[in-house]
Amino acid sequence: MTAPMLSDIESIQPFPAAHAPKPDAACSAHGWKACQRPLVAEAVLREPSGTLVRYRRVCSHWLKTQEKAAQHIDEQGIVLPD
């Protein structure tokens, strides 16, 4: 697992199919230069202040390595596209 995130997971909505990142549609968690992995879901986070943060596109690596995201996926029975 990577460094724990302070935010809580509000929701994770998987895409019907994974799709390749592009400069104008890259992983919101990692950014275009850091992540060339397929995008698999939209994640909405709640900051400790209560503010909602929408990550419009996230890769499966982020979802599987962020403990709160991985736990949410497991608890909700979310199936991510390959």
C-alpha atoms as a PDB file:
ATOM      1  CA  MET A   1       0.000   0.000   0.000  1.00  0.00           C
ATOM      2  CA  THR A   2       1.045   3.585  -0.574  1.00  0.00           C
ATOM      3  CA  ALA A   3       0.905   6.424   1.940  1.00  0.00           C
ATOM      4  CA  PRO A   4      -2.536   6.521   3.559  1.00  0.00           C
ATOM      5  CA  MET A   5      -4.868   9.178   2.240  1.00  0.00           C
ATOM      6  CA  LEU A   6      -6.638  11.524   4.609  1.00  0.00           C
ATOM      7  CA  SER A   7      -9.833  11.657   2.561  1.00  0.00           C
ATOM      8  CA  ASP A   8     -12.681   9.178   2.866  1.00  0.00           C
ATOM      9  CA  ILE A   9     -14.216   7.417  -0.120  1.00  0.00           C
ATOM     10  CA  GLU A  10     -17.694   8.735  -0.878  1.00  0.00           C
ATOM     11  CA  SER A  11     -18.258   6.572  -3.958  1.00  0.00           C
ATOM     12  CA  ILE A  12     -16.511   4.622  -6.688  1.00  0.00           C
ATOM     13  CA  GLN A  13     -18.314   4.189 -10.003  1.00  0.00           C
ATOM     14  CA  PRO A  14     -16.600   1.764 -12.391  1.00  0.00           C
ATOM     15  CA  PHE A  15     -16.631   2.512 -16.111  1.00  0.00           C
ATOM     16  CA  PRO A  16     -18.260  -0.103 -18.395  1.00  0.00           C
ATOM     17  CA  ALA A  17     -14.800  -0.738 -19.873  1.00  0.00           C
ATOM     18  CA  ALA A  18     -11.254   0.414 -19.158  1.00  0.00           C
ATOM     19  CA  HIS A  19      -9.877   3.039 -21.525  1.00  0.00           C
ATOM     20  CA  ALA A  20      -6.452   4.396 -22.284  1.00  0.00           C
ATOM     21  CA  PRO A  21      -5.375   7.712 -20.760  1.00  0.00           C
ATOM     22  CA  LYS A  22      -4.790  10.775 -22.956  1.00  0.00           C
ATOM     23  CA  PRO A  23      -3.192  14.135 -22.115  1.00  0.00           C
ATOM     24  CA  ASP A  24      -6.641  15.694 -21.663  1.00  0.00           C
ATOM     25  CA  ALA A  25      -8.066  12.622 -19.883  1.00  0.00           C
ATOM     26  CA  ALA A  26      -5.386  11.216 -17.601  1.00  0.00           C
ATOM     27  CA  CYS A  27      -5.557   9.571 -14.179  1.00  0.00           C
ATOM     28  CA  SER A  28      -6.820  12.275 -11.823  1.00  0.00           C
ATOM     29  CA  ALA A  29      -4.940  10.734  -8.893  1.00  0.00           C
ATOM     30  CA  HIS A  30      -1.530  10.499 -10.597  1.00  0.00           C
ATOM     31  CA  GLY A  31      -1.549  12.893 -13.543  1.00  0.00           C
ATOM     32  CA  TRP A  32      -0.545  12.386 -17.169  1.00  0.00           C
ATOM     33  CA  LYS A  33       3.222  12.246 -16.698  1.00  0.00           C
ATOM     34  CA  ALA A  34       3.099   9.835 -13.749  1.00  0.00           C
ATOM     35  CA  CYS A  35       0.445   7.385 -14.958  1.00  0.00           C
ATOM     36  CA  GLN A  36      -0.148   5.728 -18.298  1.00  0.00           C
ATOM     37  CA  ARG A  37      -2.359   2.978 -16.883  1.00  0.00           C
ATOM     38  CA  PRO A  38      -5.883   2.307 -18.190  1.00  0.00           C
ATOM     39  CA  LEU A  39      -8.623   4.303 -16.472  1.00  0.00           C
ATOM     40  CA  VAL A  40     -11.285   2.177 -14.801  1.00  0.00           C
ATOM     41  CA  ALA A  41     -13.527   4.299 -12.554  1.00  0.00           C
ATOM     42  CA  GLU A  42     -14.629   7.639 -11.194  1.00  0.00           C
ATOM     43  CA  ALA A  43     -13.956   8.176  -7.483  1.00  0.00           C
ATOM     44  CA  VAL A  44     -15.549  10.790  -5.244  1.00  0.00           C
ATOM     45  CA  LEU A  45     -13.697  11.586  -2.018  1.00  0.00           C
ATOM     46  CA  ARG A  46     -14.656  13.543   1.075  1.00  0.00           C
ATOM     47  CA  GLU A  47     -11.866  15.634   2.580  1.00  0.00           C
ATOM     48  CA  PRO A  48     -11.531  15.854   6.390  1.00  0.00           C
ATOM     49  CA  SER A  49     -13.000  19.378   6.089  1.00  0.00           C
ATOM     50  CA  GLY A  50     -16.150  17.865   4.568  1.00  0.00           C
ATOM     51  CA  THR A  51     -15.442  19.140   1.051  1.00  0.00           C
ATOM     52  CA  LEU A  52     -16.215  16.719  -1.772  1.00  0.00           C
ATOM     53  CA  VAL A  53     -13.439  16.102  -4.290  1.00  0.00           C
ATOM     54  CA  ARG A  54     -14.288  14.342  -7.538  1.00  0.00           C
ATOM     55  CA  TYR A  55     -11.529  12.359  -9.204  1.00  0.00           C
ATOM     56  CA  ARG A  56     -13.083  11.994 -12.619  1.00  0.00           C
ATOM     57  CA  ARG A  57     -10.810   9.203 -13.786  1.00  0.00           C
ATOM     58  CA  VAL A  58      -8.664   6.816 -11.772  1.00  0.00           C
ATOM     59  CA  CYS A  59      -6.558   3.799 -12.613  1.00  0.00           C
ATOM     60  CA  SER A  60      -6.941   0.376 -10.997  1.00  0.00           C
ATOM     61  CA  HIS A  61      -3.464   0.705  -9.466  1.00  0.00           C
ATOM     62  CA  TRP A  62      -4.602   3.691  -7.385  1.00  0.00           C
ATOM     63  CA  LEU A  63      -7.807   1.927  -6.371  1.00  0.00           C
ATOM     64  CA  LYS A  64      -5.953  -1.215  -5.315  1.00  0.00           C
ATOM     65  CA  THR A  65      -3.069   0.489  -3.489  1.00  0.00           C
ATOM     66  CA  GLN A  66      -5.026   3.110  -1.537  1.00  0.00           C
ATOM     67  CA  GLU A  67      -6.216   1.209   1.524  1.00  0.00           C
ATOM     68  CA  LYS A  68      -9.520   3.086   1.880  1.00  0.00           C
ATOM     69  CA  ALA A  69     -10.324   2.645  -1.808  1.00  0.00           C
ATOM     70  CA  ALA A  70      -9.456  -1.053  -1.769  1.00  0.00           C
ATOM     71  CA  GLN A  71     -11.576  -1.554   1.362  1.00  0.00           C
ATOM     72  CA  HIS A  72     -14.526   0.319  -0.211  1.00  0.00           C
ATOM     73  CA  ILE A  73     -14.313  -1.824  -3.355  1.00  0.00           C
ATOM     74  CA  ASP A  74     -14.263  -4.995  -1.260  1.00  0.00           C
ATOM     75  CA  GLU A  75     -17.112  -3.936   1.059  1.00  0.00           C
ATOM     76  CA  GLN A  76     -19.338  -2.748  -1.814  1.00  0.00           C
ATOM     77  CA  GLY A  77     -18.560  -5.701  -4.086  1.00  0.00           C
ATOM     78  CA  ILE A  78     -17.447  -3.377  -6.880  1.00  0.00           C
ATOM     79  CA  VAL A  79     -16.114  -5.102  -9.992  1.00  0.00           C
ATOM     80  CA  LEU A  80     -13.574  -3.083 -11.963  1.00  0.00           C
ATOM     81  CA  PRO A  81     -13.158  -3.520 -15.721  1.00  0.00           C
ATOM     82  CA  ASP A  82      -9.995  -5.230 -16.977  1.00  0.00           C
END
